[in-house]
């Protein structure tokens, strides 16, 4: 997952970097680790796997939408792991 993304709110860049390092809710990592590994206190290996899973979810969304930019408000349920909840958030893929 070498793709870089930009997470913006209007003209302000909130995050710029690799998908696997995007801001994610700690609770989301724990919940997914519990679901995948039955581990409610995930080690670094499980945390890394979960982050890759979340990055793949986002990458798949870009593919499904056939676009390099998506609006968070249109995909709140799918992207509920992101540490953002504002409707003005856009996520752009840099290839």
N, C-alpha and C. Protein backbone atom coordinates (compact mmCIF):
# COMPACT_ATOMS: atom_id res chain seq x y z
N UNK A 1 0.83 -1.17 0.00
CA UNK A 1 0.00 0.00 0.00
C UNK A 1 0.88 1.24 0.00
N UNK A 2 1.38 1.58 -1.15
CA UNK A 2 2.28 2.73 -1.26
C UNK A 2 1.58 4.00 -1.68
N UNK A 3 0.29 3.88 -1.94
CA UNK A 3 -0.44 5.06 -2.38
C UNK A 3 -0.47 6.11 -1.27
N UNK A 4 -0.35 7.34 -1.70
CA UNK A 4 -0.46 8.46 -0.76
C UNK A 4 -1.82 9.10 -0.93
N UNK A 5 -2.33 9.62 0.17
CA UNK A 5 -3.62 10.28 0.15
C UNK A 5 -3.50 11.67 0.78
N UNK A 6 -4.46 12.48 0.45
CA UNK A 6 -4.63 13.79 1.06
C UNK A 6 -6.02 13.80 1.68
N UNK A 7 -6.10 14.17 2.93
CA UNK A 7 -7.40 14.34 3.59
C UNK A 7 -7.53 15.83 3.86
N UNK A 8 -8.58 16.41 3.30
CA UNK A 8 -8.75 17.87 3.39
C UNK A 8 -10.13 18.23 3.90
N UNK A 9 -10.17 19.35 4.56
CA UNK A 9 -11.43 19.98 4.95
C UNK A 9 -11.39 21.36 4.33
N UNK A 10 -12.22 21.52 3.30
CA UNK A 10 -12.21 22.76 2.50
C UNK A 10 -10.79 22.96 1.96
N UNK A 11 -10.12 24.03 2.32
CA UNK A 11 -8.77 24.31 1.79
C UNK A 11 -7.66 23.89 2.75
N UNK A 12 -8.02 23.29 3.87
CA UNK A 12 -7.03 22.91 4.88
C UNK A 12 -6.67 21.43 4.75
N UNK A 13 -5.40 21.13 4.63
CA UNK A 13 -4.94 19.74 4.59
C UNK A 13 -4.82 19.21 6.01
N UNK A 14 -5.57 18.15 6.30
CA UNK A 14 -5.56 17.54 7.63
C UNK A 14 -4.56 16.40 7.72
N UNK A 15 -4.36 15.72 6.59
CA UNK A 15 -3.41 14.61 6.55
C UNK A 15 -2.87 14.47 5.14
N UNK A 16 -1.58 14.21 5.05
CA UNK A 16 -0.92 13.95 3.77
C UNK A 16 0.09 12.85 4.03
N UNK A 17 -0.10 11.71 3.39
CA UNK A 17 0.83 10.61 3.61
C UNK A 17 0.30 9.29 3.10
N UNK A 18 0.95 8.22 3.54
CA UNK A 18 0.58 6.88 3.11
C UNK A 18 -0.75 6.46 3.73
N UNK A 19 -1.48 5.65 2.97
CA UNK A 19 -2.77 5.15 3.46
C UNK A 19 -2.61 4.37 4.76
N UNK A 20 -1.56 3.59 4.88
CA UNK A 20 -1.39 2.76 6.08
C UNK A 20 -1.09 3.57 7.32
N UNK A 21 -0.80 4.85 7.16
CA UNK A 21 -0.52 5.72 8.30
C UNK A 21 -1.62 6.74 8.55
N UNK A 22 -2.75 6.60 7.84
CA UNK A 22 -3.83 7.58 7.98
C UNK A 22 -4.39 7.59 9.40
N UNK A 23 -4.94 8.69 9.84
CA UNK A 23 -5.51 8.79 11.19
C UNK A 23 -6.74 7.89 11.34
N UNK A 24 -6.63 6.96 12.27
CA UNK A 24 -7.69 5.99 12.52
C UNK A 24 -8.02 6.01 14.00
N UNK A 25 -9.29 5.80 14.31
CA UNK A 25 -9.72 5.74 15.71
C UNK A 25 -9.11 4.51 16.39
N UNK A 26 -8.56 4.72 17.57
CA UNK A 26 -7.99 3.61 18.34
C UNK A 26 -9.04 2.52 18.59
N UNK A 27 -10.25 2.96 18.87
CA UNK A 27 -11.34 2.01 19.13
C UNK A 27 -11.61 1.15 17.91
N UNK A 28 -11.49 1.72 16.73
CA UNK A 28 -11.71 0.97 15.49
C UNK A 28 -10.65 -0.11 15.32
N UNK A 29 -9.41 0.20 15.68
CA UNK A 29 -8.34 -0.79 15.61
C UNK A 29 -8.63 -1.94 16.56
N UNK A 30 -9.03 -1.61 17.77
CA UNK A 30 -9.34 -2.65 18.76
C UNK A 30 -10.51 -3.52 18.30
N UNK A 31 -11.56 -2.88 17.79
CA UNK A 31 -12.75 -3.63 17.35
C UNK A 31 -12.41 -4.57 16.20
N UNK A 32 -11.64 -4.09 15.22
CA UNK A 32 -11.28 -4.93 14.07
C UNK A 32 -10.33 -6.04 14.49
N UNK A 33 -9.43 -5.74 15.41
CA UNK A 33 -8.52 -6.77 15.91
C UNK A 33 -9.28 -7.85 16.67
N UNK A 34 -10.28 -7.44 17.42
CA UNK A 34 -11.13 -8.41 18.13
C UNK A 34 -11.88 -9.28 17.12
N UNK A 35 -12.39 -8.64 16.07
CA UNK A 35 -13.14 -9.36 15.04
C UNK A 35 -12.23 -10.35 14.28
N UNK A 36 -11.04 -9.90 13.91
CA UNK A 36 -10.16 -10.72 13.09
C UNK A 36 -9.33 -11.74 13.87
N UNK A 37 -8.88 -11.34 15.07
CA UNK A 37 -7.93 -12.16 15.81
C UNK A 37 -8.39 -12.56 17.21
N UNK A 38 -9.58 -12.13 17.58
CA UNK A 38 -10.07 -12.36 18.94
C UNK A 38 -9.08 -11.78 19.97
N UNK A 39 -8.59 -10.59 19.65
CA UNK A 39 -7.56 -9.93 20.45
C UNK A 39 -8.03 -8.51 20.78
N UNK A 40 -8.41 -8.28 22.03
CA UNK A 40 -8.90 -6.96 22.42
C UNK A 40 -7.78 -6.02 22.86
N UNK A 41 -6.55 -6.52 22.91
CA UNK A 41 -5.38 -5.71 23.22
C UNK A 41 -4.33 -6.02 22.16
N UNK A 42 -4.53 -5.48 20.94
CA UNK A 42 -3.71 -5.91 19.80
C UNK A 42 -2.24 -5.53 19.92
N UNK A 43 -1.40 -6.51 19.57
CA UNK A 43 0.04 -6.26 19.50
C UNK A 43 0.32 -5.46 18.22
N UNK A 44 1.55 -5.07 18.05
CA UNK A 44 1.92 -4.24 16.90
C UNK A 44 1.67 -4.98 15.59
N UNK A 45 1.83 -6.27 15.57
CA UNK A 45 1.61 -7.05 14.35
C UNK A 45 0.13 -7.02 13.98
N UNK A 46 -0.73 -7.20 14.95
CA UNK A 46 -2.17 -7.14 14.68
C UNK A 46 -2.60 -5.72 14.30
N UNK A 47 -2.04 -4.74 14.97
CA UNK A 47 -2.36 -3.35 14.63
C UNK A 47 -1.96 -3.05 13.18
N UNK A 48 -0.79 -3.49 12.78
CA UNK A 48 -0.31 -3.27 11.41
C UNK A 48 -1.23 -3.96 10.40
N UNK A 49 -1.64 -5.17 10.71
CA UNK A 49 -2.54 -5.90 9.81
C UNK A 49 -3.87 -5.16 9.67
N UNK A 50 -4.39 -4.69 10.78
CA UNK A 50 -5.66 -3.95 10.76
C UNK A 50 -5.51 -2.67 9.95
N UNK A 51 -4.41 -1.96 10.11
CA UNK A 51 -4.20 -0.73 9.33
C UNK A 51 -4.12 -1.04 7.84
N UNK A 52 -3.48 -2.15 7.48
CA UNK A 52 -3.44 -2.55 6.07
C UNK A 52 -4.84 -2.90 5.58
N UNK A 53 -5.64 -3.52 6.42
CA UNK A 53 -7.02 -3.84 6.07
C UNK A 53 -7.81 -2.56 5.81
N UNK A 54 -7.67 -1.57 6.68
CA UNK A 54 -8.36 -0.30 6.51
C UNK A 54 -7.88 0.41 5.23
N UNK A 55 -6.57 0.36 4.96
CA UNK A 55 -6.03 0.98 3.75
C UNK A 55 -6.60 0.30 2.51
N UNK A 56 -6.72 -1.01 2.55
CA UNK A 56 -7.30 -1.74 1.42
C UNK A 56 -8.77 -1.38 1.24
N UNK A 57 -9.48 -1.19 2.32
CA UNK A 57 -10.88 -0.77 2.25
C UNK A 57 -10.99 0.57 1.53
N UNK A 58 -10.12 1.51 1.89
CA UNK A 58 -10.13 2.82 1.24
C UNK A 58 -9.73 2.70 -0.22
N UNK A 59 -8.69 1.94 -0.51
CA UNK A 59 -8.24 1.76 -1.90
C UNK A 59 -9.35 1.15 -2.75
N UNK A 60 -10.07 0.19 -2.20
CA UNK A 60 -11.18 -0.44 -2.92
C UNK A 60 -12.28 0.57 -3.21
N UNK A 61 -12.49 1.48 -2.30
CA UNK A 61 -13.51 2.51 -2.48
C UNK A 61 -13.15 3.42 -3.66
N UNK A 62 -11.88 3.79 -3.76
CA UNK A 62 -11.43 4.59 -4.91
C UNK A 62 -11.67 3.84 -6.21
N UNK A 63 -11.39 2.54 -6.21
CA UNK A 63 -11.60 1.72 -7.41
C UNK A 63 -13.07 1.62 -7.75
N UNK A 64 -13.90 1.36 -6.75
CA UNK A 64 -15.33 1.22 -6.96
C UNK A 64 -15.94 2.51 -7.51
N UNK A 65 -15.51 3.63 -6.97
CA UNK A 65 -16.02 4.93 -7.40
C UNK A 65 -15.39 5.38 -8.71
N UNK A 66 -14.32 4.71 -9.11
CA UNK A 66 -13.59 5.07 -10.33
C UNK A 66 -13.22 6.55 -10.31
N UNK A 67 -12.68 6.96 -9.17
CA UNK A 67 -12.33 8.36 -8.97
C UNK A 67 -11.13 8.45 -8.03
N UNK A 68 -10.39 9.54 -8.16
CA UNK A 68 -9.26 9.78 -7.26
C UNK A 68 -9.65 10.66 -6.08
N UNK A 69 -10.92 11.06 -6.01
CA UNK A 69 -11.40 11.89 -4.90
C UNK A 69 -12.76 11.39 -4.45
N UNK A 70 -12.90 11.23 -3.14
CA UNK A 70 -14.19 10.83 -2.58
C UNK A 70 -14.55 11.76 -1.43
N UNK A 71 -15.83 11.85 -1.16
CA UNK A 71 -16.35 12.66 -0.06
C UNK A 71 -16.64 11.73 1.12
N UNK A 72 -16.16 12.08 2.29
CA UNK A 72 -16.39 11.27 3.47
C UNK A 72 -17.89 11.10 3.76
N UNK A 73 -18.65 12.17 3.58
CA UNK A 73 -20.07 12.11 3.91
C UNK A 73 -20.82 11.07 3.08
N UNK A 74 -20.32 10.75 1.90
CA UNK A 74 -20.97 9.76 1.05
C UNK A 74 -20.59 8.33 1.41
N UNK A 75 -19.59 8.17 2.28
CA UNK A 75 -19.08 6.84 2.63
C UNK A 75 -18.84 6.70 4.13
N UNK A 76 -19.64 7.40 4.91
CA UNK A 76 -19.45 7.41 6.38
C UNK A 76 -19.45 6.00 6.97
N UNK A 77 -20.37 5.18 6.53
CA UNK A 77 -20.48 3.83 7.10
C UNK A 77 -19.23 3.00 6.77
N UNK A 78 -18.77 3.05 5.55
CA UNK A 78 -17.60 2.29 5.13
C UNK A 78 -16.32 2.81 5.77
N UNK A 79 -16.23 4.12 5.93
CA UNK A 79 -15.02 4.75 6.45
C UNK A 79 -15.15 5.18 7.90
N UNK A 80 -15.99 4.49 8.64
CA UNK A 80 -16.21 4.86 10.05
C UNK A 80 -14.98 4.67 10.92
N UNK A 81 -13.95 4.02 10.40
CA UNK A 81 -12.71 3.83 11.16
C UNK A 81 -11.83 5.09 11.15
N UNK A 82 -12.07 5.99 10.20
CA UNK A 82 -11.26 7.21 10.14
C UNK A 82 -11.53 8.11 11.35
N UNK A 83 -10.51 8.80 11.77
CA UNK A 83 -10.62 9.66 12.94
C UNK A 83 -11.13 11.05 12.55
N UNK A 84 -12.13 11.06 11.68
CA UNK A 84 -12.78 12.30 11.24
C UNK A 84 -14.28 12.03 11.19
N UNK A 85 -15.07 13.04 11.48
CA UNK A 85 -16.52 12.87 11.39
C UNK A 85 -17.21 14.08 10.78
N UNK A 86 -16.45 14.93 10.14
CA UNK A 86 -16.99 16.15 9.54
C UNK A 86 -17.45 15.87 8.11
N UNK A 87 -18.58 16.40 7.73
CA UNK A 87 -19.12 16.17 6.39
C UNK A 87 -18.34 16.90 5.29
N UNK A 88 -17.50 17.85 5.64
CA UNK A 88 -16.76 18.62 4.63
C UNK A 88 -15.42 17.98 4.26
N UNK A 89 -15.20 16.75 4.64
CA UNK A 89 -13.92 16.08 4.40
C UNK A 89 -13.88 15.45 3.01
N UNK A 90 -12.79 15.71 2.29
CA UNK A 90 -12.56 15.02 1.02
C UNK A 90 -11.25 14.24 1.15
N UNK A 91 -11.22 13.10 0.49
CA UNK A 91 -10.04 12.26 0.50
C UNK A 91 -9.61 12.08 -0.95
N UNK A 92 -8.35 12.45 -1.23
CA UNK A 92 -7.84 12.36 -2.60
C UNK A 92 -6.67 11.39 -2.65
N UNK A 93 -6.63 10.66 -3.72
CA UNK A 93 -5.55 9.69 -3.96
C UNK A 93 -4.51 10.33 -4.85
N UNK A 94 -3.26 10.23 -4.45
CA UNK A 94 -2.15 10.71 -5.28
C UNK A 94 -1.46 9.48 -5.84
N UNK A 95 -1.44 9.36 -7.14
CA UNK A 95 -0.80 8.19 -7.80
C UNK A 95 0.60 8.52 -8.22
